[in-house]
Amino acid sequence: MTKQIQKGFTLIELMIVIAIVAILVALAVPAYQDYTIRAKVGECINQAAPAKLAVSEYFQSEGNFAGSEAAYGFDTANSESQYCNDLVITPGTGRITVQSTNTGADVDPGAFLTPEDASGAAYNPTSMSGPINWDCTTNGTGALRHLPATCRQ
């Protein structure tokens, strides 16, 4: 009698491989969805860079924050994009509010960009010194995990 050489895989071996691949996919898809949502929200926060510059320049030249959004010379109405629904500069504080849209999240997240001095304290016109640093925090909309790491505090 001659021995038969086995060729290929058995049905059980193939089923085990398919089960392992299915488990890996089940873990990877939600993580990837969170990553893509975070990237879209990050793009919206980056849209605020010209507004941050306008607020910083106004503060450096005038020594305080403007009493109206229009005084900064930045048109927030034209700052909307595919993933950024709203951008508002709060008069008197320079705080910028961004609200994302079309991110794929159940609730689109938003953030506050708050000007601070070098020590991390809120910028105060009477005690300011040095450049403006921007603190990013959640504005309470959307899941915290959908904000970029710099805004998850």
N, C-alpha and C. Protein backbone atom coordinates (compact mmCIF):
# COMPACT_ATOMS: atom_id res chain seq x y z
N MET A 1 0.83 -1.19 0.00
CA MET A 1 0.00 0.00 0.00
C MET A 1 0.87 1.25 0.00
N THR A 2 0.46 2.20 -0.80
CA THR A 2 1.19 3.45 -0.84
C THR A 2 0.45 4.49 0.00
N LYS A 3 1.25 5.36 0.61
CA LYS A 3 0.67 6.41 1.44
C LYS A 3 0.20 7.56 0.56
N GLN A 4 -1.00 8.05 0.84
CA GLN A 4 -1.50 9.23 0.10
C GLN A 4 -0.99 10.49 0.77
N ILE A 5 -0.51 11.44 0.01
CA ILE A 5 -0.03 12.71 0.54
C ILE A 5 -1.21 13.68 0.55
N GLN A 6 -1.40 14.28 1.71
CA GLN A 6 -2.50 15.22 1.86
C GLN A 6 -2.16 16.52 1.14
N LYS A 7 -3.11 17.03 0.37
CA LYS A 7 -2.92 18.28 -0.34
C LYS A 7 -4.01 19.25 0.10
N GLY A 8 -3.62 20.48 0.43
CA GLY A 8 -4.60 21.50 0.81
C GLY A 8 -4.95 21.45 2.28
N PHE A 9 -6.01 22.21 2.61
CA PHE A 9 -6.44 22.34 4.01
C PHE A 9 -7.77 21.62 4.20
N THR A 10 -8.00 21.20 5.42
CA THR A 10 -9.29 20.57 5.72
C THR A 10 -10.33 21.67 5.91
N LEU A 11 -11.57 21.28 5.87
CA LEU A 11 -12.67 22.23 6.05
C LEU A 11 -12.60 22.91 7.42
N ILE A 12 -12.23 22.17 8.45
CA ILE A 12 -12.15 22.73 9.80
C ILE A 12 -11.05 23.78 9.87
N GLU A 13 -9.91 23.53 9.27
CA GLU A 13 -8.82 24.52 9.27
C GLU A 13 -9.25 25.81 8.57
N LEU A 14 -9.94 25.70 7.46
CA LEU A 14 -10.43 26.89 6.75
C LEU A 14 -11.45 27.65 7.58
N MET A 15 -12.33 26.95 8.28
CA MET A 15 -13.34 27.61 9.11
C MET A 15 -12.67 28.36 10.27
N ILE A 16 -11.61 27.79 10.84
CA ILE A 16 -10.91 28.46 11.93
C ILE A 16 -10.26 29.74 11.43
N VAL A 17 -9.63 29.71 10.29
CA VAL A 17 -9.01 30.91 9.72
C VAL A 17 -10.06 31.98 9.44
N ILE A 18 -11.20 31.60 8.89
CA ILE A 18 -12.28 32.56 8.60
C ILE A 18 -12.80 33.17 9.90
N ALA A 19 -12.93 32.38 10.95
CA ALA A 19 -13.40 32.90 12.24
C ALA A 19 -12.40 33.91 12.81
N ILE A 20 -11.12 33.63 12.71
CA ILE A 20 -10.10 34.56 13.21
C ILE A 20 -10.14 35.86 12.44
N VAL A 21 -10.24 35.79 11.12
CA VAL A 21 -10.32 37.00 10.30
C VAL A 21 -11.58 37.79 10.65
N ALA A 22 -12.70 37.14 10.87
CA ALA A 22 -13.95 37.83 11.21
C ALA A 22 -13.82 38.57 12.54
N ILE A 23 -13.15 37.97 13.50
CA ILE A 23 -12.95 38.62 14.81
C ILE A 23 -12.08 39.86 14.64
N LEU A 24 -11.01 39.75 13.88
CA LEU A 24 -10.12 40.89 13.66
C LEU A 24 -10.85 42.03 12.95
N VAL A 25 -11.68 41.72 11.98
CA VAL A 25 -12.44 42.75 11.27
C VAL A 25 -13.45 43.40 12.21
N ALA A 26 -14.09 42.61 13.06
CA ALA A 26 -15.08 43.15 13.99
C ALA A 26 -14.43 44.14 14.97
N LEU A 27 -13.15 43.94 15.29
CA LEU A 27 -12.46 44.86 16.18
C LEU A 27 -11.93 46.09 15.43
N ALA A 28 -11.52 45.93 14.21
CA ALA A 28 -10.86 47.01 13.47
C ALA A 28 -11.84 48.03 12.91
N VAL A 29 -13.01 47.63 12.47
CA VAL A 29 -13.95 48.56 11.82
C VAL A 29 -14.38 49.69 12.74
N PRO A 30 -14.81 49.45 13.98
CA PRO A 30 -15.19 50.58 14.85
C PRO A 30 -14.02 51.53 15.13
N ALA A 31 -12.82 50.98 15.31
CA ALA A 31 -11.66 51.84 15.56
C ALA A 31 -11.38 52.71 14.34
N TYR A 32 -11.52 52.15 13.16
CA TYR A 32 -11.28 52.91 11.93
C TYR A 32 -12.34 53.99 11.77
N GLN A 33 -13.60 53.70 12.11
CA GLN A 33 -14.66 54.70 12.01
C GLN A 33 -14.37 55.88 12.95
N ASP A 34 -13.94 55.60 14.17
CA ASP A 34 -13.58 56.68 15.10
C ASP A 34 -12.43 57.50 14.54
N TYR A 35 -11.47 56.84 13.94
CA TYR A 35 -10.33 57.54 13.36
C TYR A 35 -10.76 58.49 12.24
N THR A 36 -11.64 58.04 11.35
CA THR A 36 -12.07 58.90 10.25
C THR A 36 -12.92 60.07 10.76
N ILE A 37 -13.74 59.84 11.77
CA ILE A 37 -14.52 60.94 12.36
C ILE A 37 -13.58 61.96 12.99
N ARG A 38 -12.56 61.49 13.73
CA ARG A 38 -11.59 62.39 14.35
C ARG A 38 -10.85 63.21 13.30
N ALA A 39 -10.53 62.61 12.18
CA ALA A 39 -9.85 63.34 11.11
C ALA A 39 -10.73 64.45 10.54
N LYS A 40 -12.02 64.18 10.38
CA LYS A 40 -12.95 65.20 9.86
C LYS A 40 -13.13 66.33 10.86
N VAL A 41 -13.23 66.00 12.14
CA VAL A 41 -13.35 67.03 13.18
C VAL A 41 -12.06 67.85 13.24
N GLY A 42 -10.93 67.18 13.12
CA GLY A 42 -9.65 67.88 13.11
C GLY A 42 -9.55 68.86 11.95
N GLU A 43 -10.09 68.47 10.80
CA GLU A 43 -10.10 69.39 9.66
C GLU A 43 -10.94 70.63 9.97
N CYS A 44 -12.05 70.44 10.65
CA CYS A 44 -12.91 71.57 11.03
C CYS A 44 -12.17 72.48 12.01
N ILE A 45 -11.47 71.91 12.97
CA ILE A 45 -10.72 72.72 13.94
C ILE A 45 -9.60 73.49 13.23
N ASN A 46 -8.98 72.85 12.25
CA ASN A 46 -7.94 73.54 11.48
C ASN A 46 -8.50 74.69 10.65
N GLN A 47 -9.78 74.62 10.30
CA GLN A 47 -10.43 75.72 9.57
C GLN A 47 -10.43 77.00 10.40
N ALA A 48 -10.29 76.86 11.70
CA ALA A 48 -10.32 78.02 12.60
C ALA A 48 -8.99 78.75 12.66
N ALA A 49 -7.95 78.26 11.99
CA ALA A 49 -6.63 78.90 12.05
C ALA A 49 -6.66 80.38 11.64
N PRO A 50 -7.35 80.75 10.54
CA PRO A 50 -7.40 82.18 10.20
C PRO A 50 -8.13 83.02 11.26
N ALA A 51 -9.15 82.43 11.90
CA ALA A 51 -9.87 83.15 12.96
C ALA A 51 -8.96 83.34 14.18
N LYS A 52 -8.18 82.32 14.52
CA LYS A 52 -7.23 82.43 15.63
C LYS A 52 -6.21 83.53 15.35
N LEU A 53 -5.75 83.59 14.11
CA LEU A 53 -4.80 84.63 13.72
C LEU A 53 -5.43 86.02 13.85
N ALA A 54 -6.68 86.15 13.39
CA ALA A 54 -7.37 87.44 13.47
C ALA A 54 -7.54 87.89 14.92
N VAL A 55 -7.92 86.97 15.79
CA VAL A 55 -8.10 87.30 17.21
C VAL A 55 -6.75 87.69 17.83
N SER A 56 -5.71 86.91 17.53
CA SER A 56 -4.38 87.19 18.09
C SER A 56 -3.85 88.54 17.63
N GLU A 57 -4.00 88.83 16.34
CA GLU A 57 -3.51 90.11 15.82
C GLU A 57 -4.26 91.29 16.43
N TYR A 58 -5.59 91.15 16.57
CA TYR A 58 -6.38 92.22 17.16
C TYR A 58 -5.93 92.46 18.60
N PHE A 59 -5.76 91.36 19.35
CA PHE A 59 -5.38 91.49 20.75
C PHE A 59 -4.00 92.13 20.89
N GLN A 60 -3.06 91.71 20.05
CA GLN A 60 -1.71 92.26 20.14
C GLN A 60 -1.67 93.74 19.79
N SER A 61 -2.51 94.14 18.84
CA SER A 61 -2.48 95.56 18.44
C SER A 61 -3.35 96.45 19.33
N GLU A 62 -4.45 95.93 19.85
CA GLU A 62 -5.39 96.75 20.63
C GLU A 62 -5.27 96.54 22.14
N GLY A 63 -4.71 95.43 22.57
CA GLY A 63 -4.56 95.17 24.00
C GLY A 63 -5.79 94.60 24.66
N ASN A 64 -6.80 94.26 23.89
CA ASN A 64 -8.00 93.62 24.44
C ASN A 64 -8.71 92.86 23.33
N PHE A 65 -9.79 92.20 23.67
CA PHE A 65 -10.57 91.48 22.68
C PHE A 65 -11.68 92.39 22.17
N ALA A 66 -12.02 92.24 20.91
CA ALA A 66 -13.02 93.10 20.28
C ALA A 66 -14.41 92.87 20.88
N GLY A 67 -15.21 93.92 20.86
CA GLY A 67 -16.58 93.85 21.37
C GLY A 67 -17.56 93.26 20.37
N SER A 68 -17.12 93.04 19.15
CA SER A 68 -18.00 92.41 18.15
C SER A 68 -17.18 91.49 17.27
N GLU A 69 -17.82 90.51 16.73
CA GLU A 69 -17.14 89.54 15.86
C GLU A 69 -16.59 90.22 14.61
N ALA A 70 -17.32 91.18 14.07
CA ALA A 70 -16.92 91.86 12.84
C ALA A 70 -15.65 92.69 13.02
N ALA A 71 -15.37 93.15 14.24
CA ALA A 71 -14.21 94.00 14.49
C ALA A 71 -12.89 93.26 14.27
N TYR A 72 -12.92 91.94 14.32
CA TYR A 72 -11.70 91.17 14.09
C TYR A 72 -11.30 91.16 12.62
N GLY A 73 -12.20 91.56 11.75
CA GLY A 73 -11.89 91.58 10.33
C GLY A 73 -11.88 90.21 9.69
N PHE A 74 -12.53 89.26 10.33
CA PHE A 74 -12.61 87.90 9.81
C PHE A 74 -14.06 87.54 9.58
N ASP A 75 -14.39 87.12 8.38
CA ASP A 75 -15.78 86.79 8.04
C ASP A 75 -16.04 85.32 8.35
N THR A 76 -16.66 85.05 9.49
CA THR A 76 -16.93 83.67 9.89
C THR A 76 -17.98 83.01 9.01
N ALA A 77 -18.79 83.79 8.32
CA ALA A 77 -19.81 83.21 7.45
C ALA A 77 -19.19 82.44 6.29
N ASN A 78 -18.00 82.83 5.87
CA ASN A 78 -17.33 82.15 4.75
C ASN A 78 -16.37 81.06 5.22
N SER A 79 -16.42 80.69 6.48
CA SER A 79 -15.49 79.70 7.01
C SER A 79 -16.07 78.29 7.02
N GLU A 80 -17.29 78.13 6.53
CA GLU A 80 -17.90 76.81 6.51
C GLU A 80 -17.29 75.96 5.40
N SER A 81 -17.25 74.66 5.62
CA SER A 81 -16.70 73.73 4.64
C SER A 81 -17.49 72.43 4.69
N GLN A 82 -16.99 71.42 4.02
CA GLN A 82 -17.68 70.14 3.98
C GLN A 82 -17.87 69.55 5.38
N TYR A 83 -16.88 69.74 6.26
CA TYR A 83 -16.95 69.15 7.60
C TYR A 83 -17.08 70.18 8.71
N CYS A 84 -17.15 71.45 8.37
CA CYS A 84 -17.25 72.50 9.37
C CYS A 84 -18.53 73.30 9.15
N ASN A 85 -19.45 73.19 10.07
CA ASN A 85 -20.76 73.79 9.93
C ASN A 85 -20.82 75.22 10.47
N ASP A 86 -20.08 75.48 11.52
CA ASP A 86 -20.23 76.77 12.19
C ASP A 86 -18.92 77.18 12.86
N LEU A 87 -18.61 78.46 12.77
CA LEU A 87 -17.44 79.01 13.44
C LEU A 87 -17.86 80.38 13.96
N VAL A 88 -17.75 80.56 15.27
CA VAL A 88 -18.19 81.80 15.92
C VAL A 88 -17.09 82.32 16.84
N ILE A 89 -16.81 83.63 16.75
CA ILE A 89 -15.88 84.27 17.67
C ILE A 89 -16.71 85.02 18.71
N THR A 90 -16.54 84.68 19.98
CA THR A 90 -17.31 85.30 21.04
C THR A 90 -16.76 86.69 21.33
N PRO A 91 -17.59 87.73 21.21
CA PRO A 91 -17.12 89.09 21.50
C PRO A 91 -16.66 89.22 22.95
N GLY A 92 -15.59 89.96 23.14
CA GLY A 92 -15.10 90.25 24.49
C GLY A 92 -14.17 89.21 25.07
N THR A 93 -14.18 87.98 24.55
CA THR A 93 -13.32 86.93 25.11
C THR A 93 -12.36 86.35 24.08
N GLY A 94 -12.68 86.48 22.80
CA GLY A 94 -11.85 85.90 21.76
C GLY A 94 -12.01 84.41 21.61
N ARG A 95 -12.89 83.81 22.39
CA ARG A 95 -13.11 82.36 22.31
C ARG A 95 -13.75 82.03 20.96
N ILE A 96 -13.24 80.98 20.32
CA ILE A 96 -13.76 80.55 19.02
C ILE A 96 -14.48 79.23 19.22
N THR A 97 -15.70 79.15 18.73
CA THR A 97 -16.48 77.93 18.79
C THR A 97 -16.55 77.34 17.39
N VAL A 98 -16.19 76.07 17.28
CA VAL A 98 -16.31 75.37 16.00
C VAL A 98 -17.27 74.20 16.16
N GLN A 99 -18.09 73.98 15.15
CA GLN A 99 -19.04 72.88 15.16
C GLN A 99 -18.89 72.10 13.87
N SER A 100 -18.60 70.81 13.99
CA SER A 100 -18.40 69.98 12.81
C SER A 100 -19.74 69.48 12.27
N THR A 101 -19.71 68.97 11.04
CA THR A 101 -20.89 68.41 10.41
C THR A 101 -20.46 67.33 9.42
N ASN A 102 -21.36 66.46 9.07
CA ASN A 102 -21.10 65.39 8.09
C ASN A 102 -19.89 64.52 8.45
N THR A 103 -19.69 64.27 9.72
CA THR A 103 -18.53 63.48 10.13
C THR A 103 -18.82 61.99 10.16
N GLY A 104 -20.07 61.62 10.20
CA GLY A 104 -20.44 60.21 10.32
C GLY A 104 -20.73 59.81 11.76
N ALA A 105 -20.54 60.72 12.69
CA ALA A 105 -20.83 60.43 14.10
C ALA A 105 -22.33 60.56 14.35
N ASP A 106 -22.81 59.91 15.40
CA ASP A 106 -24.23 60.04 15.77
C ASP A 106 -24.56 61.49 16.06
N VAL A 107 -23.69 62.16 16.82
CA VAL A 107 -23.81 63.59 17.09
C VAL A 107 -22.48 64.22 16.71
N ASP A 108 -22.51 65.17 15.76
CA ASP A 108 -21.27 65.80 15.31
C ASP A 108 -20.65 66.60 16.44
N PRO A 109 -19.37 66.34 16.76
CA PRO A 109 -18.72 67.03 17.87
C PRO A 109 -18.32 68.47 17.54
N GLY A 110 -18.18 69.26 18.58
CA GLY A 110 -17.72 70.63 18.44
C GLY A 110 -16.68 70.92 19.50
N ALA A 111 -16.03 72.07 19.37
CA ALA A 111 -14.95 72.41 20.31
C ALA A 111 -14.90 73.90 20.56
N PHE A 112 -14.33 74.27 21.71
CA PHE A 112 -14.01 75.65 22.04
C PHE A 112 -12.50 75.82 21.88
N LEU A 113 -12.09 76.90 21.27
CA LEU A 113 -10.68 77.28 21.21
C LEU A 113 -10.57 78.55 22.03
N THR A 114 -9.95 78.44 23.19
CA THR A 114 -9.90 79.54 24.14
C THR A 114 -8.48 80.10 24.24
N PRO A 115 -8.34 81.43 24.08
CA PRO A 115 -7.00 82.02 24.20
C PRO A 115 -6.51 82.01 25.64
N GLU A 116 -5.23 81.65 25.80
CA GLU A 116 -4.61 81.62 27.13
C GLU A 116 -3.24 82.27 27.07
N ASP A 117 -2.72 82.66 28.23
CA ASP A 117 -1.35 83.16 28.26
C ASP A 117 -0.40 81.98 28.45
N ALA A 118 0.87 82.24 28.54
CA ALA A 118 1.88 81.18 28.60
C ALA A 118 1.72 80.28 29.82
N SER A 119 1.13 80.79 30.91
CA SER A 119 0.97 79.98 32.12
C SER A 119 -0.27 79.09 32.06
N GLY A 120 -1.11 79.25 31.04
CA GLY A 120 -2.31 78.45 30.92
C GLY A 120 -3.54 79.12 31.49
N ALA A 121 -3.40 80.35 31.98
CA ALA A 121 -4.54 81.09 32.52
C ALA A 121 -5.27 81.79 31.38
N ALA A 122 -6.56 81.99 31.55
CA ALA A 122 -7.34 82.70 30.53
C ALA A 122 -6.74 84.07 30.31
N TYR A 123 -6.70 84.48 29.08
CA TYR A 123 -6.07 85.75 28.73
C TYR A 123 -6.83 86.91 29.34
N ASN A 124 -6.13 87.75 30.06
CA ASN A 124 -6.71 88.91 30.71
C ASN A 124 -5.96 90.14 30.20
N PRO A 125 -6.67 91.09 29.60
CA PRO A 125 -6.00 92.25 29.03
C PRO A 125 -5.14 93.02 30.03
N THR A 126 -5.47 92.99 31.31
CA THR A 126 -4.70 93.78 32.28
C THR A 126 -3.43 93.07 32.73
N SER A 127 -3.39 91.75 32.61
CA SER A 127 -2.20 91.03 33.10
C SER A 127 -1.55 90.18 32.01
N MET A 128 -1.79 90.52 30.76
CA MET A 128 -1.26 89.69 29.69
C MET A 128 0.23 89.91 29.49
N SER A 129 0.88 88.82 29.08
CA SER A 129 2.27 88.94 28.67
C SER A 129 2.58 87.75 27.77
N GLY A 130 3.34 87.98 26.75
CA GLY A 130 3.73 86.90 25.86
C GLY A 130 2.68 86.58 24.82
N PRO A 131 2.95 85.54 24.07
CA PRO A 131 2.05 85.18 22.98
C PRO A 131 0.77 84.50 23.47
N ILE A 132 -0.21 84.45 22.61
CA ILE A 132 -1.46 83.76 22.91
C ILE A 132 -1.28 82.28 22.59
N ASN A 133 -1.62 81.43 23.53
CA ASN A 133 -1.71 79.98 23.31
C ASN A 133 -3.19 79.63 23.22
N TRP A 134 -3.52 78.61 22.46
CA TRP A 134 -4.92 78.23 22.27
C TRP A 134 -5.20 76.90 22.94
N ASP A 135 -6.20 76.89 23.83
CA ASP A 135 -6.63 75.69 24.53
C ASP A 135 -7.87 75.16 23.83
N CYS A 136 -7.84 73.90 23.44
CA CYS A 136 -8.97 73.27 22.76
C CYS A 136 -9.69 72.34 23.72
N THR A 137 -11.00 72.54 23.92
CA THR A 137 -11.81 71.70 24.79
C THR A 137 -13.14 71.41 24.10
N THR A 138 -13.82 70.40 24.57
CA THR A 138 -15.12 70.06 23.99
C THR A 138 -16.15 71.13 24.33
N ASN A 139 -17.09 71.34 23.42
CA ASN A 139 -18.18 72.27 23.72
C ASN A 139 -19.41 71.51 24.20
N GLY A 140 -19.25 70.22 24.46
CA GLY A 140 -20.33 69.42 25.02
C GLY A 140 -21.16 68.67 23.99
N THR A 141 -20.89 68.88 22.70
CA THR A 141 -21.64 68.14 21.68
C THR A 141 -20.77 67.00 21.17
N GLY A 142 -21.39 65.87 20.95
CA GLY A 142 -20.68 64.72 20.40
C GLY A 142 -19.87 63.98 21.45
N ALA A 143 -19.35 62.83 21.04
CA ALA A 143 -18.55 61.99 21.92
C ALA A 143 -17.13 62.53 22.03
N LEU A 144 -16.57 62.47 23.22
CA LEU A 144 -15.22 62.97 23.47
C LEU A 144 -14.19 62.21 22.63
N ARG A 145 -14.44 60.91 22.40
CA ARG A 145 -13.48 60.10 21.62
C ARG A 145 -13.37 60.54 20.17
N HIS A 146 -14.33 61.35 19.70
CA HIS A 146 -14.31 61.83 18.32
C HIS A 146 -13.54 63.14 18.14
N LEU A 147 -13.05 63.72 19.24
CA LEU A 147 -12.24 64.94 19.14
C LEU A 147 -10.77 64.57 19.01
N PRO A 148 -9.98 65.40 18.37
CA PRO A 148 -8.53 65.16 18.32
C PRO A 148 -7.96 65.09 19.74
N ALA A 149 -6.83 64.43 19.89
CA ALA A 149 -6.23 64.20 21.22
C ALA A 149 -5.98 65.50 21.96
N THR A 150 -5.64 66.58 21.25
CA THR A 150 -5.35 67.86 21.91
C THR A 150 -6.60 68.49 22.53
N CYS A 151 -7.77 68.04 22.13
CA CYS A 151 -9.02 68.61 22.66
C CYS A 151 -9.69 67.73 23.69
N ARG A 152 -9.17 66.55 23.96
CA ARG A 152 -9.78 65.63 24.92
C ARG A 152 -9.20 65.85 26.30
N GLN A 153 -9.73 66.82 27.05
CA GLN A 153 -9.20 67.13 28.37
C GLN A 153 -10.28 66.97 29.41
